[in-house]
């Protein structure tokens, strides 16, 4: 058995999330079919983070076990799988890893970016890859200040979806920044792990602050309340990207580019 890790980039617009589901188009299904054709046997794919419907990735990490007898150069996994993948999913790198590596359980940090177009006119290009919030100019500085209340290990019940299946609401947010690049607002959040819809709920509540509908202290109050019904609407899935997964350097997992596109 040989364990192989792959770096995957995808546009999630046409998929109902990463996780394989019955009679639903998923990223995992496409990857297992493509990898299986190169491996010449059925494979089970494991990922660093199961992104939701419409969510994208520039640096998703997956692994699988190759059970064949024929040795394969790691670069052949990238080239071969890309032949059988749709154009909105691409393997960026491939690496042989030790048997104790697990794409999900070996990761100690995930980073997401949320890209907002804050202008008066809707986008015609990349409209599925960014979120559009028109009207008044968002106050990115106030959003950034509000986001600092979420740092550290906390009970994030106020920012989890009602259908979240995690056994614990506690997560450790390592960093959260909100910056502006012309008409674009970039929200970047790094944590040990995330609850279902956690990033979108956080961004949706930060938008309330950015539009001056709520004071920045409201984010702290919301965190302490541990009640999602007190929060605002969750942000659109469009514009959300998984851009980084961190592992122990001993595994040699490439960091890749952050992105998306011109955002570095």
C-alpha atoms as a PDB file:
ATOM      1  CA  UNK A   1       0.000   0.000   0.000  1.00  0.00           C
ATOM      2  CA  UNK A   2       1.197   3.501  -0.867  1.00  0.00           C
ATOM      3  CA  UNK A   3      -0.478   6.592   0.590  1.00  0.00           C
ATOM      4  CA  UNK A   4      -0.711   9.537  -1.785  1.00  0.00           C
ATOM      5  CA  UNK A   5      -1.628  13.126  -0.932  1.00  0.00           C
ATOM      6  CA  UNK A   6      -2.964  15.509  -3.586  1.00  0.00           C
ATOM      7  CA  UNK A   7      -3.485  19.266  -3.635  1.00  0.00           C
ATOM      8  CA  UNK A   8      -6.804  20.149  -5.261  1.00  0.00           C
ATOM      9  CA  UNK A   9      -8.231  23.382  -6.636  1.00  0.00           C
ATOM     10  CA  UNK A  10     -11.898  23.646  -7.582  1.00  0.00           C
ATOM     11  CA  UNK A  11     -14.750  25.950  -8.428  1.00  0.00           C
ATOM     12  CA  UNK A  12     -17.620  24.703  -6.297  1.00  0.00           C
ATOM     13  CA  UNK A  13     -20.366  26.544  -8.180  1.00  0.00           C
ATOM     14  CA  UNK A  14     -21.674  23.421  -9.926  1.00  0.00           C
ATOM     15  CA  UNK A  15     -21.446  21.054  -6.953  1.00  0.00           C
ATOM     16  CA  UNK A  16     -23.468  20.312  -3.841  1.00  0.00           C
ATOM     17  CA  UNK A  17     -20.363  20.436  -1.691  1.00  0.00           C
ATOM     18  CA  UNK A  18     -17.286  18.255  -1.351  1.00  0.00           C
ATOM     19  CA  UNK A  19     -18.840  15.263   0.394  1.00  0.00           C
ATOM     20  CA  UNK A  20     -20.213  12.424  -1.694  1.00  0.00           C
ATOM     21  CA  UNK A  21     -24.004  12.139  -1.434  1.00  0.00           C
ATOM     22  CA  UNK A  22     -26.639   9.929  -3.026  1.00  0.00           C
ATOM     23  CA  UNK A  23     -27.550  11.136  -6.541  1.00  0.00           C
ATOM     24  CA  UNK A  24     -25.877  14.512  -5.971  1.00  0.00           C
ATOM     25  CA  UNK A  25     -22.985  16.035  -7.926  1.00  0.00           C
ATOM     26  CA  UNK A  26     -20.027  16.325  -5.538  1.00  0.00           C
ATOM     27  CA  UNK A  27     -16.313  17.069  -5.661  1.00  0.00           C
ATOM     28  CA  UNK A  28     -15.493  13.820  -3.867  1.00  0.00           C
ATOM     29  CA  UNK A  29     -17.362  11.720  -6.427  1.00  0.00           C
ATOM     30  CA  UNK A  30     -15.477  13.313  -9.313  1.00  0.00           C
ATOM     31  CA  UNK A  31     -12.122  12.831  -7.588  1.00  0.00           C
ATOM     32  CA  UNK A  32     -12.754   9.200  -6.662  1.00  0.00           C
ATOM     33  CA  UNK A  33     -13.758   8.372 -10.212  1.00  0.00           C
ATOM     34  CA  UNK A  34     -10.697  10.074 -11.731  1.00  0.00           C
ATOM     35  CA  UNK A  35      -8.191   8.708  -9.211  1.00  0.00           C
ATOM     36  CA  UNK A  36      -9.763   5.247  -9.463  1.00  0.00           C
ATOM     37  CA  UNK A  37      -9.183   5.172 -13.203  1.00  0.00           C
ATOM     38  CA  UNK A  38      -5.469   5.893 -12.737  1.00  0.00           C
ATOM     39  CA  UNK A  39      -5.116   3.529  -9.769  1.00  0.00           C
ATOM     40  CA  UNK A  40      -7.086   0.843 -11.603  1.00  0.00           C
ATOM     41  CA  UNK A  41      -9.043   0.079  -8.427  1.00  0.00           C
ATOM     42  CA  UNK A  42     -11.730   1.703  -6.296  1.00  0.00           C
ATOM     43  CA  UNK A  43     -10.390   4.393  -3.980  1.00  0.00           C
ATOM     44  CA  UNK A  44     -11.764   6.214  -0.957  1.00  0.00           C
ATOM     45  CA  UNK A  45     -10.827   9.891  -0.783  1.00  0.00           C
ATOM     46  CA  UNK A  46     -10.317  11.726   2.527  1.00  0.00           C
ATOM     47  CA  UNK A  47     -10.124  15.534   2.609  1.00  0.00           C
ATOM     48  CA  UNK A  48      -8.843  18.239   4.956  1.00  0.00           C
ATOM     49  CA  UNK A  49     -12.196  20.042   5.071  1.00  0.00           C
ATOM     50  CA  UNK A  50     -15.625  19.199   3.660  1.00  0.00           C
ATOM     51  CA  UNK A  51     -16.632  22.420   1.929  1.00  0.00           C
ATOM     52  CA  UNK A  52     -20.323  23.236   1.441  1.00  0.00           C
ATOM     53  CA  UNK A  53     -22.318  23.683  -1.755  1.00  0.00           C
ATOM     54  CA  UNK A  54     -20.964  26.525  -3.875  1.00  0.00           C
ATOM     55  CA  UNK A  55     -17.748  26.881  -1.843  1.00  0.00           C
ATOM     56  CA  UNK A  56     -14.405  26.874  -3.663  1.00  0.00           C
ATOM     57  CA  UNK A  57     -10.858  25.803  -2.835  1.00  0.00           C
ATOM     58  CA  UNK A  58      -7.392  26.813  -3.972  1.00  0.00           C
ATOM     59  CA  UNK A  59      -5.612  24.418  -1.591  1.00  0.00           C
ATOM     60  CA  UNK A  60      -7.791  21.512  -0.568  1.00  0.00           C
ATOM     61  CA  UNK A  61      -5.702  18.522   0.540  1.00  0.00           C
ATOM     62  CA  UNK A  62      -6.846  14.935   0.051  1.00  0.00           C
ATOM     63  CA  UNK A  63      -5.291  11.511   0.468  1.00  0.00           C
ATOM     64  CA  UNK A  64      -5.983   7.963  -0.692  1.00  0.00           C
ATOM     65  CA  UNK A  65      -4.283   4.567  -0.558  1.00  0.00           C
ATOM     66  CA  UNK A  66      -2.905   3.058  -3.759  1.00  0.00           C
ATOM     67  CA  UNK A  67      -3.132  -0.731  -3.600  1.00  0.00           C
ATOM     68  CA  UNK A  68      -1.692  -1.603  -7.004  1.00  0.00           C
ATOM     69  CA  UNK A  69       1.542  -3.490  -7.627  1.00  0.00           C
ATOM     70  CA  UNK A  70       2.752  -1.194 -10.395  1.00  0.00           C
ATOM     71  CA  UNK A  71       4.875   1.692  -9.010  1.00  0.00           C
ATOM     72  CA  UNK A  72       3.834   5.132 -10.237  1.00  0.00           C
ATOM     73  CA  UNK A  73       5.757   8.364 -10.350  1.00  0.00           C
ATOM     74  CA  UNK A  74       3.960  10.920  -8.176  1.00  0.00           C
ATOM     75  CA  UNK A  75       3.723  13.397 -11.065  1.00  0.00           C
ATOM     76  CA  UNK A  76       1.742  10.820 -13.048  1.00  0.00           C
ATOM     77  CA  UNK A  77      -1.055  11.058 -10.483  1.00  0.00           C
ATOM     78  CA  UNK A  78      -1.395  14.772 -11.168  1.00  0.00           C
ATOM     79  CA  UNK A  79      -1.203  14.513 -14.950  1.00  0.00           C
ATOM     80  CA  UNK A  80      -3.326  11.390 -15.219  1.00  0.00           C
ATOM     81  CA  UNK A  81      -6.109  12.457 -12.866  1.00  0.00           C
ATOM     82  CA  UNK A  82      -6.434  15.850 -14.558  1.00  0.00           C
ATOM     83  CA  UNK A  83      -7.225  14.098 -17.834  1.00  0.00           C
ATOM     84  CA  UNK A  84     -10.350  12.567 -16.284  1.00  0.00           C
ATOM     85  CA  UNK A  85     -11.445  15.527 -14.139  1.00  0.00           C
ATOM     86  CA  UNK A  86     -13.932  18.208 -15.281  1.00  0.00           C
ATOM     87  CA  UNK A  87     -12.431  21.630 -16.080  1.00  0.00           C
ATOM     88  CA  UNK A  88     -13.548  23.133 -12.759  1.00  0.00           C
ATOM     89  CA  UNK A  89     -11.491  20.641 -10.687  1.00  0.00           C
ATOM     90  CA  UNK A  90      -7.700  20.423 -10.958  1.00  0.00           C
ATOM     91  CA  UNK A  91      -4.908  18.518  -9.199  1.00  0.00           C
ATOM     92  CA  UNK A  92      -2.097  21.001  -8.440  1.00  0.00           C
ATOM     93  CA  UNK A  93       0.482  18.655  -6.876  1.00  0.00           C
ATOM     94  CA  UNK A  94       0.967  15.044  -5.750  1.00  0.00           C
ATOM     95  CA  UNK A  95       3.166  13.597  -3.016  1.00  0.00           C
ATOM     96  CA  UNK A  96       3.784  10.205  -1.435  1.00  0.00           C
ATOM     97  CA  UNK A  97       3.235  10.455   2.340  1.00  0.00           C
ATOM     98  CA  UNK A  98       3.766   8.136   5.349  1.00  0.00           C
ATOM     99  CA  UNK A  99       0.999   5.789   6.431  1.00  0.00           C
ATOM    100  CA  UNK A 100       0.288   7.898   9.525  1.00  0.00           C
ATOM    101  CA  UNK A 101      -0.638  10.945   7.429  1.00  0.00           C
ATOM    102  CA  UNK A 102      -4.338  11.798   7.281  1.00  0.00           C
ATOM    103  CA  UNK A 103      -5.602  14.775   5.283  1.00  0.00           C
ATOM    104  CA  UNK A 104      -8.145  15.661   7.964  1.00  0.00           C
ATOM    105  CA  UNK A 105      -6.772  14.451  11.294  1.00  0.00           C
ATOM    106  CA  UNK A 106      -3.137  15.450  10.684  1.00  0.00           C
ATOM    107  CA  UNK A 107      -4.090  19.058   9.893  1.00  0.00           C
ATOM    108  CA  UNK A 108      -3.721  21.564  12.729  1.00  0.00           C
ATOM    109  CA  UNK A 109      -4.962  24.676  10.916  1.00  0.00           C
ATOM    110  CA  UNK A 110      -7.327  25.602   8.070  1.00  0.00           C
ATOM    111  CA  UNK A 111      -7.537  29.014   6.418  1.00  0.00           C
ATOM    112  CA  UNK A 112     -10.505  30.411   4.538  1.00  0.00           C
ATOM    113  CA  UNK A 113     -10.855  33.597   2.529  1.00  0.00           C
ATOM    114  CA  UNK A 114     -14.108  35.309   1.720  1.00  0.00           C
ATOM    115  CA  UNK A 115     -14.064  37.755  -1.206  1.00  0.00           C
ATOM    116  CA  UNK A 116     -16.701  40.519  -1.286  1.00  0.00           C
ATOM    117  CA  UNK A 117     -17.299  42.925  -4.145  1.00  0.00           C
ATOM    118  CA  UNK A 118     -18.562  46.121  -2.484  1.00  0.00           C
ATOM    119  CA  UNK A 119     -19.650  48.341  -5.375  1.00  0.00           C
ATOM    120  CA  UNK A 120     -22.802  49.754  -6.945  1.00  0.00           C
ATOM    121  CA  UNK A 121     -22.815  47.486 -10.013  1.00  0.00           C
ATOM    122  CA  UNK A 122     -22.949  43.701 -10.043  1.00  0.00           C
ATOM    123  CA  UNK A 123     -20.065  41.743 -11.600  1.00  0.00           C
ATOM    124  CA  UNK A 124     -20.398  40.244 -15.067  1.00  0.00           C
ATOM    125  CA  UNK A 125     -17.139  38.301 -14.856  1.00  0.00           C
ATOM    126  CA  UNK A 126     -16.448  35.814 -12.057  1.00  0.00           C
ATOM    127  CA  UNK A 127     -19.899  36.400 -10.622  1.00  0.00           C
ATOM    128  CA  UNK A 128     -19.869  32.852  -9.228  1.00  0.00           C
ATOM    129  CA  UNK A 129     -16.468  33.322  -7.607  1.00  0.00           C
ATOM    130  CA  UNK A 130     -17.127  36.397  -5.498  1.00  0.00           C
ATOM    131  CA  UNK A 131     -19.987  37.612  -3.339  1.00  0.00           C
ATOM    132  CA  UNK A 132     -21.689  40.902  -4.211  1.00  0.00           C
ATOM    133  CA  UNK A 133     -22.819  43.314  -1.527  1.00  0.00           C
ATOM    134  CA  UNK A 134     -23.910  46.589  -3.136  1.00  0.00           C
ATOM    135  CA  UNK A 135     -24.896  49.929  -1.674  1.00  0.00           C
ATOM    136  CA  UNK A 136     -23.007  51.825   0.997  1.00  0.00           C
ATOM    137  CA  UNK A 137     -19.267  51.453   1.381  1.00  0.00           C
ATOM    138  CA  UNK A 138     -18.426  48.792   3.939  1.00  0.00           C
ATOM    139  CA  UNK A 139     -16.221  49.885   6.842  1.00  0.00           C
ATOM    140  CA  UNK A 140     -13.491  47.259   6.657  1.00  0.00           C
ATOM    141  CA  UNK A 141     -11.598  48.744   9.607  1.00  0.00           C
ATOM    142  CA  UNK A 142     -14.597  48.397  11.898  1.00  0.00           C
ATOM    143  CA  UNK A 143     -15.170  44.849  10.629  1.00  0.00           C
ATOM    144  CA  UNK A 144     -11.553  43.984  11.403  1.00  0.00           C
ATOM    145  CA  UNK A 145     -11.791  45.413  14.919  1.00  0.00           C
ATOM    146  CA  UNK A 146     -15.006  43.485  15.575  1.00  0.00           C
ATOM    147  CA  UNK A 147     -13.433  40.275  14.350  1.00  0.00           C
ATOM    148  CA  UNK A 148     -10.725  40.425  17.014  1.00  0.00           C
ATOM    149  CA  UNK A 149     -13.330  39.509  19.658  1.00  0.00           C
ATOM    150  CA  UNK A 150     -13.447  36.039  18.095  1.00  0.00           C
ATOM    151  CA  UNK A 151      -9.767  35.182  18.557  1.00  0.00           C
ATOM    152  CA  UNK A 152      -8.771  32.291  20.771  1.00  0.00           C
ATOM    153  CA  UNK A 153     -10.619  29.178  21.883  1.00  0.00           C
ATOM    154  CA  UNK A 154     -14.322  29.849  22.359  1.00  0.00           C
ATOM    155  CA  UNK A 155     -17.767  28.316  22.221  1.00  0.00           C
ATOM    156  CA  UNK A 156     -18.938  29.284  18.712  1.00  0.00           C
ATOM    157  CA  UNK A 157     -22.554  28.172  19.127  1.00  0.00           C
ATOM    158  CA  UNK A 158     -23.689  31.603  17.878  1.00  0.00           C
ATOM    159  CA  UNK A 159     -21.909  30.967  14.580  1.00  0.00           C
ATOM    160  CA  UNK A 160     -22.802  27.342  13.806  1.00  0.00           C
ATOM    161  CA  UNK A 161     -25.586  26.047  11.590  1.00  0.00           C
ATOM    162  CA  UNK A 162     -28.557  24.394  13.275  1.00  0.00           C
ATOM    163  CA  UNK A 163     -27.785  21.152  11.401  1.00  0.00           C
ATOM    164  CA  UNK A 164     -24.120  21.125  12.512  1.00  0.00           C
ATOM    165  CA  UNK A 165     -23.174  17.612  13.659  1.00  0.00           C
ATOM    166  CA  UNK A 166     -19.980  18.467  15.538  1.00  0.00           C
ATOM    167  CA  UNK A 167     -19.871  17.032  19.059  1.00  0.00           C
ATOM    168  CA  UNK A 168     -18.434  20.257  20.466  1.00  0.00           C
ATOM    169  CA  UNK A 169     -18.984  23.949  19.579  1.00  0.00           C
ATOM    170  CA  UNK A 170     -15.492  24.900  20.735  1.00  0.00           C
ATOM    171  CA  UNK A 171     -12.983  26.038  18.130  1.00  0.00           C
ATOM    172  CA  UNK A 172      -9.719  27.981  18.309  1.00  0.00           C
ATOM    173  CA  UNK A 173      -9.514  30.941  15.929  1.00  0.00           C
ATOM    174  CA  UNK A 174      -5.829  31.748  15.373  1.00  0.00           C
ATOM    175  CA  UNK A 175      -6.246  34.893  13.277  1.00  0.00           C
ATOM    176  CA  UNK A 176      -8.941  36.979  11.595  1.00  0.00           C
ATOM    177  CA  UNK A 177      -8.303  39.923   9.299  1.00  0.00           C
ATOM    178  CA  UNK A 178     -10.474  42.169   7.150  1.00  0.00           C
ATOM    179  CA  UNK A 179      -8.758  44.239   4.463  1.00  0.00           C
ATOM    180  CA  UNK A 180      -9.743  46.167   1.351  1.00  0.00           C
ATOM    181  CA  UNK A 181      -8.285  46.036  -2.168  1.00  0.00           C
ATOM    182  CA  UNK A 182     -10.074  48.657  -4.250  1.00  0.00           C
ATOM    183  CA  UNK A 183     -13.739  47.579  -4.317  1.00  0.00           C
ATOM    184  CA  UNK A 184     -12.986  44.185  -2.795  1.00  0.00           C
ATOM    185  CA  UNK A 185     -13.187  43.237   0.869  1.00  0.00           C
ATOM    186  CA  UNK A 186     -11.091  40.212   1.871  1.00  0.00           C
ATOM    187  CA  UNK A 187     -11.971  38.411   5.097  1.00  0.00           C
ATOM    188  CA  UNK A 188      -9.368  35.820   6.070  1.00  0.00           C
ATOM    189  CA  UNK A 189      -9.887  33.437   9.000  1.00  0.00           C
ATOM    190  CA  UNK A 190      -7.531  30.742  10.304  1.00  0.00           C
ATOM    191  CA  UNK A 191      -8.547  28.213  12.956  1.00  0.00           C
ATOM    192  CA  UNK A 192      -7.769  24.703  14.098  1.00  0.00           C
ATOM    193  CA  UNK A 193     -11.105  23.643  12.543  1.00  0.00           C
ATOM    194  CA  UNK A 194     -14.492  25.103  11.646  1.00  0.00           C
ATOM    195  CA  UNK A 195     -18.113  24.330  12.456  1.00  0.00           C
ATOM    196  CA  UNK A 196     -20.762  23.946   9.758  1.00  0.00           C
ATOM    197  CA  UNK A 197     -21.379  27.388   8.174  1.00  0.00           C
ATOM    198  CA  UNK A 198     -19.095  28.986  10.779  1.00  0.00           C
ATOM    199  CA  UNK A 199     -17.182  31.183   8.327  1.00  0.00           C
ATOM    200  CA  UNK A 200     -20.292  32.307   6.452  1.00  0.00           C
ATOM    201  CA  UNK A 201     -22.084  33.122   9.705  1.00  0.00           C
ATOM    202  CA  UNK A 202     -19.116  35.112  10.996  1.00  0.00           C
ATOM    203  CA  UNK A 203     -18.876  37.072   7.741  1.00  0.00           C
ATOM    204  CA  UNK A 204     -22.627  37.705   7.708  1.00  0.00           C
ATOM    205  CA  UNK A 205     -22.440  39.177  11.214  1.00  0.00           C
ATOM    206  CA  UNK A 206     -19.348  41.229  10.385  1.00  0.00           C
ATOM    207  CA  UNK A 207     -21.294  42.709   7.461  1.00  0.00           C
ATOM    208  CA  UNK A 208     -23.838  44.028   9.964  1.00  0.00           C
ATOM    209  CA  UNK A 209     -20.981  45.879  11.648  1.00  0.00           C
ATOM    210  CA  UNK A 210     -19.465  46.984   8.347  1.00  0.00           C
ATOM    211  CA  UNK A 211     -22.744  48.600   7.277  1.00  0.00           C
ATOM    212  CA  UNK A 212     -22.942  50.348  10.687  1.00  0.00           C
ATOM    213  CA  UNK A 213     -26.144  48.543  11.568  1.00  0.00           C
ATOM    214  CA  UNK A 214     -24.500  47.110  14.671  1.00  0.00           C
ATOM    215  CA  UNK A 215     -21.630  48.321  16.899  1.00  0.00           C
ATOM    216  CA  UNK A 216     -18.438  46.299  16.868  1.00  0.00           C
ATOM    217  CA  UNK A 217     -19.099  45.159  20.459  1.00  0.00           C
ATOM    218  CA  UNK A 218     -22.159  43.282  19.195  1.00  0.00           C
ATOM    219  CA  UNK A 219     -19.841  40.526  17.906  1.00  0.00           C
ATOM    220  CA  UNK A 220     -18.521  39.971  21.430  1.00  0.00           C
ATOM    221  CA  UNK A 221     -22.048  39.943  22.838  1.00  0.00           C
ATOM    222  CA  UNK A 222     -23.141  37.478  20.169  1.00  0.00           C
ATOM    223  CA  UNK A 223     -20.219  35.169  20.944  1.00  0.00           C
ATOM    224  CA  UNK A 224     -21.042  35.240  24.660  1.00  0.00           C
ATOM    225  CA  UNK A 225     -24.767  34.610  24.034  1.00  0.00           C
ATOM    226  CA  UNK A 226     -24.086  31.223  22.360  1.00  0.00           C
ATOM    227  CA  UNK A 227     -27.339  31.555  20.435  1.00  0.00           C
ATOM    228  CA  UNK A 228     -27.363  31.556  16.614  1.00  0.00           C
ATOM    229  CA  UNK A 229     -30.921  32.939  16.460  1.00  0.00           C
ATOM    230  CA  UNK A 230     -29.562  36.294  17.676  1.00  0.00           C
ATOM    231  CA  UNK A 231     -27.192  36.637  14.709  1.00  0.00           C
ATOM    232  CA  UNK A 232     -27.703  38.070  11.261  1.00  0.00           C
ATOM    233  CA  UNK A 233     -28.056  36.257   7.957  1.00  0.00           C
ATOM    234  CA  UNK A 234     -25.238  33.987   6.897  1.00  0.00           C
ATOM    235  CA  UNK A 235     -23.169  35.252   3.981  1.00  0.00           C
ATOM    236  CA  UNK A 236     -23.512  33.861   0.469  1.00  0.00           C
ATOM    237  CA  UNK A 237     -21.478  30.731  -0.382  1.00  0.00           C
ATOM    238  CA  UNK A 238     -20.078  32.460  -3.463  1.00  0.00           C
ATOM    239  CA  UNK A 239     -16.737  34.027  -2.716  1.00  0.00           C
ATOM    240  CA  UNK A 240     -15.705  31.571   0.010  1.00  0.00           C
ATOM    241  CA  UNK A 241     -12.439  29.703  -0.575  1.00  0.00           C
ATOM    242  CA  UNK A 242     -10.467  27.132   1.378  1.00  0.00           C
ATOM    243  CA  UNK A 243      -6.991  28.572   0.753  1.00  0.00           C
ATOM    244  CA  UNK A 244      -4.674  26.760   3.125  1.00  0.00           C
ATOM    245  CA  UNK A 245      -4.220  23.696   5.318  1.00  0.00           C
ATOM    246  CA  UNK A 246      -1.254  23.405   7.696  1.00  0.00           C
ATOM    247  CA  UNK A 247       0.540  20.198   8.698  1.00  0.00           C
ATOM    248  CA  UNK A 248       3.638  19.197  10.600  1.00  0.00           C
ATOM    249  CA  UNK A 249       6.635  20.004   8.354  1.00  0.00           C
ATOM    250  CA  UNK A 250       7.749  16.366   8.607  1.00  0.00           C
ATOM    251  CA  UNK A 251       5.094  15.470   6.019  1.00  0.00           C
ATOM    252  CA  UNK A 252       6.481  17.951   3.475  1.00  0.00           C
ATOM    253  CA  UNK A 253       3.039  19.042   2.274  1.00  0.00           C
ATOM    254  CA  UNK A 254       3.392  21.939  -0.213  1.00  0.00           C
ATOM    255  CA  UNK A 255       1.873  25.207   0.991  1.00  0.00           C
ATOM    256  CA  UNK A 256       0.793  26.198  -2.514  1.00  0.00           C
ATOM    257  CA  UNK A 257      -0.595  29.599  -3.443  1.00  0.00           C
ATOM    258  CA  UNK A 258      -3.312  31.282  -1.428  1.00  0.00           C
ATOM    259  CA  UNK A 259      -5.406  33.174  -3.948  1.00  0.00           C
ATOM    260  CA  UNK A 260      -7.910  33.152  -5.357  1.00  0.00           C
ATOM    261  CA  UNK A 261      -6.800  34.639  -8.656  1.00  0.00           C
ATOM    262  CA  UNK A 262      -5.073  37.971  -8.154  1.00  0.00           C
ATOM    263  CA  UNK A 263      -5.422  37.942  -4.327  1.00  0.00           C
ATOM    264  CA  UNK A 264      -2.199  36.733  -2.715  1.00  0.00           C
END
